[in-house]
PDB file of all heavy atoms in Angstrom:
ATOM      1  N   GLY A   1       9.274  -8.518   5.609  1.00  0.00           N
ATOM      2  CA  GLY A   1       8.091  -7.630   5.256  1.00  0.00           C
ATOM      3  C   GLY A   1       7.721  -7.801   3.758  1.00  0.00           C
ATOM      4  O   GLY A   1       6.772  -7.148   3.335  1.00  0.00           O
ATOM      5  N   SER A   2       8.443  -8.553   2.971  1.00  0.00           N
ATOM      6  CA  SER A   2       8.163  -8.719   1.618  1.00  0.00           C
ATOM      7  C   SER A   2       7.496 -10.096   1.333  1.00  0.00           C
ATOM      8  O   SER A   2       7.876 -11.091   1.848  1.00  0.00           O
ATOM      9  CB  SER A   2       9.442  -8.660   0.716  1.00  0.00           C
ATOM     10  OG  SER A   2      10.050  -7.493   0.766  1.00  0.00           O
ATOM     11  N   ILE A   3       6.476 -10.033   0.533  1.00  0.00           N
ATOM     12  CA  ILE A   3       5.667 -11.352   0.139  1.00  0.00           C
ATOM     13  C   ILE A   3       6.502 -11.907  -1.051  1.00  0.00           C
ATOM     14  O   ILE A   3       6.657 -11.330  -2.070  1.00  0.00           O
ATOM     15  CB  ILE A   3       4.298 -10.931  -0.252  1.00  0.00           C
ATOM     16  CG1 ILE A   3       3.551 -10.234   0.924  1.00  0.00           C
ATOM     17  CG2 ILE A   3       3.531 -12.277  -0.780  1.00  0.00           C
ATOM     18  CD1 ILE A   3       2.192  -9.653   0.456  1.00  0.00           C
ATOM     19  N   VAL A   4       6.898 -13.063  -0.857  1.00  0.00           N
ATOM     20  CA  VAL A   4       7.674 -13.820  -1.876  1.00  0.00           C
ATOM     21  C   VAL A   4       6.797 -14.663  -2.650  1.00  0.00           C
ATOM     22  O   VAL A   4       6.170 -15.629  -2.189  1.00  0.00           O
ATOM     23  CB  VAL A   4       8.857 -14.714  -1.280  1.00  0.00           C
ATOM     24  CG1 VAL A   4       9.650 -15.361  -2.311  1.00  0.00           C
ATOM     25  CG2 VAL A   4       9.654 -13.789  -0.360  1.00  0.00           C
ATOM     26  N   ILE A   5       6.701 -14.380  -3.967  1.00  0.00           N
ATOM     27  CA  ILE A   5       5.775 -15.067  -4.875  1.00  0.00           C
ATOM     28  C   ILE A   5       6.284 -16.419  -5.183  1.00  0.00           C
ATOM     29  O   ILE A   5       7.471 -16.500  -5.743  1.00  0.00           O
ATOM     30  CB  ILE A   5       5.502 -14.224  -6.202  1.00  0.00           C
ATOM     31  CG1 ILE A   5       4.988 -12.933  -5.801  1.00  0.00           C
ATOM     32  CG2 ILE A   5       4.641 -14.937  -7.131  1.00  0.00           C
ATOM     33  CD1 ILE A   5       3.669 -12.809  -5.146  1.00  0.00           C
ATOM     34  N   PRO A   6       5.615 -17.552  -4.917  1.00  0.00           N
ATOM     35  CA  PRO A   6       6.175 -18.874  -5.185  1.00  0.00           C
ATOM     36  C   PRO A   6       5.885 -19.505  -6.516  1.00  0.00           C
ATOM     37  O   PRO A   6       6.545 -20.455  -6.796  1.00  0.00           O
ATOM     38  CB  PRO A   6       5.428 -19.741  -4.105  1.00  0.00           C
ATOM     39  CG  PRO A   6       4.027 -19.015  -3.966  1.00  0.00           C
ATOM     40  CD  PRO A   6       4.382 -17.627  -4.186  1.00  0.00           C
ATOM     41  N   CYS A   7       4.923 -18.948  -7.292  1.00  0.00           N
ATOM     42  CA  CYS A   7       4.572 -19.490  -8.531  1.00  0.00           C
ATOM     43  C   CYS A   7       4.250 -18.442  -9.648  1.00  0.00           C
ATOM     44  O   CYS A   7       3.771 -17.306  -9.253  1.00  0.00           O
ATOM     45  CB  CYS A   7       3.299 -20.322  -8.424  1.00  0.00           C
ATOM     46  SG  CYS A   7       3.443 -21.644  -7.114  1.00  0.00           S
ATOM     47  N   ASP A   8       4.540 -18.690 -10.826  1.00  0.00           N
ATOM     48  CA  ASP A   8       4.002 -17.775 -11.975  1.00  0.00           C
ATOM     49  C   ASP A   8       2.569 -18.045 -12.115  1.00  0.00           C
ATOM     50  O   ASP A   8       2.037 -19.005 -12.018  1.00  0.00           O
ATOM     51  CB  ASP A   8       4.682 -18.185 -13.241  1.00  0.00           C
ATOM     52  CG  ASP A   8       6.248 -17.987 -13.293  1.00  0.00           C
ATOM     53  OD1 ASP A   8       6.724 -17.379 -12.342  1.00  0.00           O
ATOM     54  OD2 ASP A   8       6.822 -18.432 -14.310  1.00  0.00           O
ATOM     55  N   GLY A   9       1.867 -16.843 -12.344  1.00  0.00           N
ATOM     56  CA  GLY A   9       0.418 -17.020 -12.528  1.00  0.00           C
ATOM     57  C   GLY A   9      -0.324 -15.654 -12.152  1.00  0.00           C
ATOM     58  O   GLY A   9       0.231 -14.701 -11.794  1.00  0.00           O
ATOM     59  N   LEU A  10      -1.663 -15.825 -12.308  1.00  0.00           N
ATOM     60  CA  LEU A  10      -2.512 -14.681 -11.988  1.00  0.00           C
ATOM     61  C   LEU A  10      -2.905 -14.811 -10.596  1.00  0.00           C
ATOM     62  O   LEU A  10      -3.271 -15.870 -10.011  1.00  0.00           O
ATOM     63  CB  LEU A  10      -3.886 -14.818 -12.789  1.00  0.00           C
ATOM     64  CG  LEU A  10      -3.727 -14.523 -14.343  1.00  0.00           C
ATOM     65  CD1 LEU A  10      -5.058 -14.846 -14.929  1.00  0.00           C
ATOM     66  CD2 LEU A  10      -3.469 -13.087 -14.488  1.00  0.00           C
ATOM     67  N   TYR A  11      -2.743 -13.672  -9.840  1.00  0.00           N
ATOM     68  CA  TYR A  11      -3.074 -13.613  -8.495  1.00  0.00           C
ATOM     69  C   TYR A  11      -4.201 -12.503  -8.191  1.00  0.00           C
ATOM     70  O   TYR A  11      -4.162 -11.443  -8.810  1.00  0.00           O
ATOM     71  CB  TYR A  11      -1.793 -13.056  -7.596  1.00  0.00           C
ATOM     72  CG  TYR A  11      -0.734 -14.137  -7.452  1.00  0.00           C
ATOM     73  CD1 TYR A  11       0.089 -14.448  -8.486  1.00  0.00           C
ATOM     74  CD2 TYR A  11      -0.691 -14.915  -6.325  1.00  0.00           C
ATOM     75  CE1 TYR A  11       1.100 -15.376  -8.334  1.00  0.00           C
ATOM     76  CE2 TYR A  11       0.227 -15.923  -6.169  1.00  0.00           C
ATOM     77  CZ  TYR A  11       1.174 -16.178  -7.262  1.00  0.00           C
ATOM     78  OH  TYR A  11       2.131 -17.058  -7.133  1.00  0.00           O
ATOM     79  N   LEU A  12      -5.141 -12.889  -7.444  1.00  0.00           N
ATOM     80  CA  LEU A  12      -6.143 -11.957  -6.887  1.00  0.00           C
ATOM     81  C   LEU A  12      -5.546 -11.265  -5.655  1.00  0.00           C
ATOM     82  O   LEU A  12      -5.167 -11.934  -4.699  1.00  0.00           O
ATOM     83  CB  LEU A  12      -7.455 -12.672  -6.542  1.00  0.00           C
ATOM     84  CG  LEU A  12      -8.587 -11.886  -5.998  1.00  0.00           C
ATOM     85  CD1 LEU A  12      -9.030 -10.759  -6.918  1.00  0.00           C
ATOM     86  CD2 LEU A  12      -9.739 -12.745  -5.533  1.00  0.00           C
ATOM     87  N   LEU A  13      -5.561  -9.893  -5.762  1.00  0.00           N
ATOM     88  CA  LEU A  13      -5.117  -9.122  -4.629  1.00  0.00           C
ATOM     89  C   LEU A  13      -6.100  -8.259  -4.048  1.00  0.00           C
ATOM     90  O   LEU A  13      -6.815  -7.620  -4.889  1.00  0.00           O
ATOM     91  CB  LEU A  13      -3.878  -8.283  -5.126  1.00  0.00           C
ATOM     92  CG  LEU A  13      -3.115  -7.492  -4.140  1.00  0.00           C
ATOM     93  CD1 LEU A  13      -1.711  -7.518  -4.406  1.00  0.00           C
ATOM     94  CD2 LEU A  13      -3.616  -6.027  -4.082  1.00  0.00           C
ATOM     95  N   SER A  14      -6.255  -8.303  -2.748  1.00  0.00           N
ATOM     96  CA  SER A  14      -7.217  -7.419  -2.057  1.00  0.00           C
ATOM     97  C   SER A  14      -6.579  -6.664  -0.906  1.00  0.00           C
ATOM     98  O   SER A  14      -5.892  -7.345  -0.128  1.00  0.00           O
ATOM     99  CB  SER A  14      -8.389  -8.231  -1.595  1.00  0.00           C
ATOM    100  OG  SER A  14      -9.176  -7.455  -0.739  1.00  0.00           O
ATOM    101  N   LEU A  15      -6.669  -5.330  -0.853  1.00  0.00           N
ATOM    102  CA  LEU A  15      -5.996  -4.505   0.183  1.00  0.00           C
ATOM    103  C   LEU A  15      -7.051  -3.487   0.685  1.00  0.00           C
ATOM    104  O   LEU A  15      -7.665  -2.855  -0.234  1.00  0.00           O
ATOM    105  CB  LEU A  15      -4.741  -3.872  -0.414  1.00  0.00           C
ATOM    106  CG  LEU A  15      -4.031  -3.034   0.529  1.00  0.00           C
ATOM    107  CD1 LEU A  15      -2.538  -3.186   0.244  1.00  0.00           C
ATOM    108  CD2 LEU A  15      -4.352  -1.586   0.324  1.00  0.00           C
ATOM    109  N   LYS A  16      -7.185  -3.425   1.906  1.00  0.00           N
ATOM    110  CA  LYS A  16      -7.999  -2.360   2.471  1.00  0.00           C
ATOM    111  C   LYS A  16      -7.459  -1.902   3.849  1.00  0.00           C
ATOM    112  O   LYS A  16      -6.905  -2.784   4.591  1.00  0.00           O
ATOM    113  CB  LYS A  16      -9.432  -2.642   2.492  1.00  0.00           C
ATOM    114  CG  LYS A  16      -9.916  -3.810   3.290  1.00  0.00           C
ATOM    115  CD  LYS A  16     -11.382  -3.971   3.238  1.00  0.00           C
ATOM    116  CE  LYS A  16     -11.794  -5.186   4.089  1.00  0.00           C
ATOM    117  NZ  LYS A  16     -13.172  -5.354   4.102  1.00  0.00           N
ATOM    118  N   GLY A  17      -7.690  -0.705   4.230  1.00  0.00           N
ATOM    119  CA  GLY A  17      -7.184  -0.234   5.584  1.00  0.00           C
ATOM    120  C   GLY A  17      -7.337   1.253   5.677  1.00  0.00           C
ATOM    121  O   GLY A  17      -7.804   1.902   4.783  1.00  0.00           O
ATOM    122  N   ASN A  18      -7.005   1.807   6.883  1.00  0.00           N
ATOM    123  CA  ASN A  18      -7.092   3.249   7.106  1.00  0.00           C
ATOM    124  C   ASN A  18      -5.638   3.836   7.361  1.00  0.00           C
ATOM    125  O   ASN A  18      -4.847   3.204   7.925  1.00  0.00           O
ATOM    126  CB  ASN A  18      -7.935   3.467   8.263  1.00  0.00           C
ATOM    127  CG  ASN A  18      -9.425   3.042   8.089  1.00  0.00           C
ATOM    128  OD1 ASN A  18      -9.979   3.432   7.054  1.00  0.00           O
ATOM    129  ND2 ASN A  18      -9.863   2.250   8.988  1.00  0.00           N
ATOM    130  N   ILE A  19      -5.454   4.998   6.775  1.00  0.00           N
ATOM    131  CA  ILE A  19      -4.109   5.652   6.960  1.00  0.00           C
ATOM    132  C   ILE A  19      -4.324   6.883   7.707  1.00  0.00           C
ATOM    133  O   ILE A  19      -5.070   7.758   7.411  1.00  0.00           O
ATOM    134  CB  ILE A  19      -3.584   6.068   5.572  1.00  0.00           C
ATOM    135  CG1 ILE A  19      -3.504   4.788   4.593  1.00  0.00           C
ATOM    136  CG2 ILE A  19      -2.188   6.666   5.711  1.00  0.00           C
ATOM    137  CD1 ILE A  19      -2.532   3.807   4.927  1.00  0.00           C
ATOM    138  N   HIS A  20      -3.475   7.085   8.760  1.00  0.00           N
ATOM    139  CA  HIS A  20      -3.428   8.220   9.624  1.00  0.00           C
ATOM    140  C   HIS A  20      -2.036   8.894   9.533  1.00  0.00           C
ATOM    141  O   HIS A  20      -1.094   8.209   9.715  1.00  0.00           O
ATOM    142  CB  HIS A  20      -3.794   8.013  11.072  1.00  0.00           C
ATOM    143  CG  HIS A  20      -5.166   7.350  11.216  1.00  0.00           C
ATOM    144  ND1 HIS A  20      -6.279   8.149  11.286  1.00  0.00           N
ATOM    145  CD2 HIS A  20      -5.557   6.095  11.269  1.00  0.00           C
ATOM    146  CE1 HIS A  20      -7.383   7.331  11.369  1.00  0.00           C
ATOM    147  NE2 HIS A  20      -6.930   6.165  11.337  1.00  0.00           N
ATOM    148  N   PHE A  21      -2.034  10.244   9.453  1.00  0.00           N
ATOM    149  CA  PHE A  21      -0.729  10.950   9.456  1.00  0.00           C
ATOM    150  C   PHE A  21      -0.976  12.392   9.938  1.00  0.00           C
ATOM    151  O   PHE A  21      -2.048  12.887   9.990  1.00  0.00           O
ATOM    152  CB  PHE A  21      -0.177  10.867   8.071  1.00  0.00           C
ATOM    153  CG  PHE A  21      -1.076  11.503   6.912  1.00  0.00           C
ATOM    154  CD1 PHE A  21      -1.160  12.816   6.680  1.00  0.00           C
ATOM    155  CD2 PHE A  21      -1.959  10.560   6.224  1.00  0.00           C
ATOM    156  CE1 PHE A  21      -2.006  13.246   5.791  1.00  0.00           C
ATOM    157  CE2 PHE A  21      -2.687  11.086   5.280  1.00  0.00           C
ATOM    158  CZ  PHE A  21      -2.841  12.408   4.983  1.00  0.00           C
ATOM    159  N   SER A  22       0.191  12.993  10.312  1.00  0.00           N
ATOM    160  CA  SER A  22       0.018  14.301  10.883  1.00  0.00           C
ATOM    161  C   SER A  22       1.030  15.358  10.385  1.00  0.00           C
ATOM    162  O   SER A  22       0.900  16.540  10.470  1.00  0.00           O
ATOM    163  CB  SER A  22       0.116  14.257  12.435  1.00  0.00           C
ATOM    164  OG  SER A  22       1.392  13.753  12.789  1.00  0.00           O
ATOM    165  N   ASP A  23       2.183  14.929   9.750  1.00  0.00           N
ATOM    166  CA  ASP A  23       3.208  15.810   9.448  1.00  0.00           C
ATOM    167  C   ASP A  23       3.268  16.177   7.987  1.00  0.00           C
ATOM    168  O   ASP A  23       4.364  16.414   7.438  1.00  0.00           O
ATOM    169  CB  ASP A  23       4.658  15.140   9.896  1.00  0.00           C
ATOM    170  CG  ASP A  23       4.844  13.823   9.205  1.00  0.00           C
ATOM    171  OD1 ASP A  23       3.993  13.239   8.560  1.00  0.00           O
ATOM    172  OD2 ASP A  23       5.995  13.413   9.166  1.00  0.00           O
ATOM    173  N   LEU A  24       2.105  16.353   7.309  1.00  0.00           N
ATOM    174  CA  LEU A  24       2.156  16.683   5.898  1.00  0.00           C
ATOM    175  C   LEU A  24       1.601  18.176   5.800  1.00  0.00           C
ATOM    176  O   LEU A  24       0.686  18.526   6.544  1.00  0.00           O
ATOM    177  CB  LEU A  24       1.246  15.753   5.067  1.00  0.00           C
ATOM    178  CG  LEU A  24       1.760  14.382   4.815  1.00  0.00           C
ATOM    179  CD1 LEU A  24       0.791  13.610   4.019  1.00  0.00           C
ATOM    180  CD2 LEU A  24       3.067  14.397   4.036  1.00  0.00           C
ATOM    181  N   ASP A  25       2.015  18.931   4.825  1.00  0.00           N
ATOM    182  CA  ASP A  25       1.573  20.186   4.447  1.00  0.00           C
ATOM    183  C   ASP A  25       0.121  20.044   3.812  1.00  0.00           C
ATOM    184  O   ASP A  25      -0.137  18.856   3.329  1.00  0.00           O
ATOM    185  CB  ASP A  25       2.546  20.913   3.510  1.00  0.00           C
ATOM    186  CG  ASP A  25       3.867  21.234   4.122  1.00  0.00           C
ATOM    187  OD1 ASP A  25       3.869  21.398   5.352  1.00  0.00           O
ATOM    188  OD2 ASP A  25       4.778  21.348   3.421  1.00  0.00           O
ATOM    189  N   GLU A  26      -0.554  21.027   3.817  1.00  0.00           N
ATOM    190  CA  GLU A  26      -1.940  20.896   3.222  1.00  0.00           C
ATOM    191  C   GLU A  26      -1.908  20.530   1.688  1.00  0.00           C
ATOM    192  O   GLU A  26      -2.794  19.938   1.231  1.00  0.00           O
ATOM    193  CB  GLU A  26      -2.761  22.160   3.444  1.00  0.00           C
ATOM    194  CG  GLU A  26      -3.222  22.333   4.807  1.00  0.00           C
ATOM    195  CD  GLU A  26      -4.193  23.404   5.083  1.00  0.00           C
ATOM    196  OE1 GLU A  26      -4.806  23.783   4.148  1.00  0.00           O
ATOM    197  OE2 GLU A  26      -4.214  23.946   6.159  1.00  0.00           O
ATOM    198  N   GLU A  27      -0.860  21.001   0.996  1.00  0.00           N
ATOM    199  CA  GLU A  27      -0.881  20.715  -0.436  1.00  0.00           C
ATOM    200  C   GLU A  27      -0.293  19.303  -0.800  1.00  0.00           C
ATOM    201  O   GLU A  27      -0.372  18.891  -1.876  1.00  0.00           O
ATOM    202  CB  GLU A  27      -0.137  21.793  -1.272  1.00  0.00           C
ATOM    203  CG  GLU A  27       1.290  21.982  -0.903  1.00  0.00           C
ATOM    204  CD  GLU A  27       1.543  22.908   0.302  1.00  0.00           C
ATOM    205  OE1 GLU A  27       0.662  23.651   0.798  1.00  0.00           O
ATOM    206  OE2 GLU A  27       2.715  23.040   0.651  1.00  0.00           O
ATOM    207  N   ASP A  28       0.352  18.835   0.240  1.00  0.00           N
ATOM    208  CA  ASP A  28       1.050  17.433   0.029  1.00  0.00           C
ATOM    209  C   ASP A  28       0.002  16.355   0.232  1.00  0.00           C
ATOM    210  O   ASP A  28      -0.984  16.592   0.911  1.00  0.00           O
ATOM    211  CB  ASP A  28       2.202  17.296   0.933  1.00  0.00           C
ATOM    212  CG  ASP A  28       3.412  18.179   0.447  1.00  0.00           C
ATOM    213  OD1 ASP A  28       3.446  18.502  -0.642  1.00  0.00           O
ATOM    214  OD2 ASP A  28       4.225  18.459   1.362  1.00  0.00           O
ATOM    215  N   SER A  29       0.300  15.172  -0.198  1.00  0.00           N
ATOM    216  CA  SER A  29      -0.463  14.024   0.105  1.00  0.00           C
ATOM    217  C   SER A  29       0.501  12.768   0.315  1.00  0.00           C
ATOM    218  O   SER A  29       1.472  12.755  -0.108  1.00  0.00           O
ATOM    219  CB  SER A  29      -1.495  13.696  -1.072  1.00  0.00           C
ATOM    220  OG  SER A  29      -0.676  13.340  -2.211  1.00  0.00           O
ATOM    221  N   LEU A  30      -0.027  11.944   1.133  1.00  0.00           N
ATOM    222  CA  LEU A  30       0.745  10.713   1.447  1.00  0.00           C
ATOM    223  C   LEU A  30       0.454   9.712   0.283  1.00  0.00           C
ATOM    224  O   LEU A  30      -0.681   9.603  -0.198  1.00  0.00           O
ATOM    225  CB  LEU A  30       0.321  10.125   2.772  1.00  0.00           C
ATOM    226  CG  LEU A  30       1.081   8.882   3.205  1.00  0.00           C
ATOM    227  CD1 LEU A  30       1.398   8.979   4.621  1.00  0.00           C
ATOM    228  CD2 LEU A  30       0.097   7.687   2.981  1.00  0.00           C
ATOM    229  N   LYS A  31       1.566   9.063  -0.149  1.00  0.00           N
ATOM    230  CA  LYS A  31       1.349   8.068  -1.162  1.00  0.00           C
ATOM    231  C   LYS A  31       1.510   6.636  -0.534  1.00  0.00           C
ATOM    232  O   LYS A  31       2.557   6.468   0.061  1.00  0.00           O
ATOM    233  CB  LYS A  31       2.250   8.221  -2.301  1.00  0.00           C
ATOM    234  CG  LYS A  31       1.878   9.516  -3.219  1.00  0.00           C
ATOM    235  CD  LYS A  31       2.734   9.658  -4.416  1.00  0.00           C
ATOM    236  CE  LYS A  31       2.154  10.793  -5.202  1.00  0.00           C
ATOM    237  NZ  LYS A  31       3.101  11.902  -5.297  1.00  0.00           N
ATOM    238  N   LEU A  32       0.620   5.856  -0.813  1.00  0.00           N
ATOM    239  CA  LEU A  32       0.758   4.420  -0.328  1.00  0.00           C
ATOM    240  C   LEU A  32       1.018   3.662  -1.659  1.00  0.00           C
ATOM    241  O   LEU A  32       0.179   3.722  -2.561  1.00  0.00           O
ATOM    242  CB  LEU A  32      -0.561   3.956   0.304  1.00  0.00           C
ATOM    243  CG  LEU A  32      -0.606   2.528   0.777  1.00  0.00           C
ATOM    244  CD1 LEU A  32       0.353   2.293   1.872  1.00  0.00           C
ATOM    245  CD2 LEU A  32      -2.075   2.162   1.175  1.00  0.00           C
ATOM    246  N   THR A  33       2.116   2.952  -1.704  1.00  0.00           N
ATOM    247  CA  THR A  33       2.492   2.318  -2.923  1.00  0.00           C
ATOM    248  C   THR A  33       2.729   0.693  -2.631  1.00  0.00           C
ATOM    249  O   THR A  33       3.391   0.410  -1.761  1.00  0.00           O
ATOM    250  CB  THR A  33       3.879   2.962  -3.505  1.00  0.00           C
ATOM    251  OG1 THR A  33       3.655   4.310  -3.498  1.00  0.00           O
ATOM    252  CG2 THR A  33       4.194   2.407  -4.803  1.00  0.00           C
TER     253      THR A  33
END
């Protein structure tokens, strides 16, 4: 599940998606890291 970086250098990273959850209190937030 880990992306292994093969070379030193600058990388362009793009990430997008939707997050669904149900077991959080109203004052809490989910952190995607």
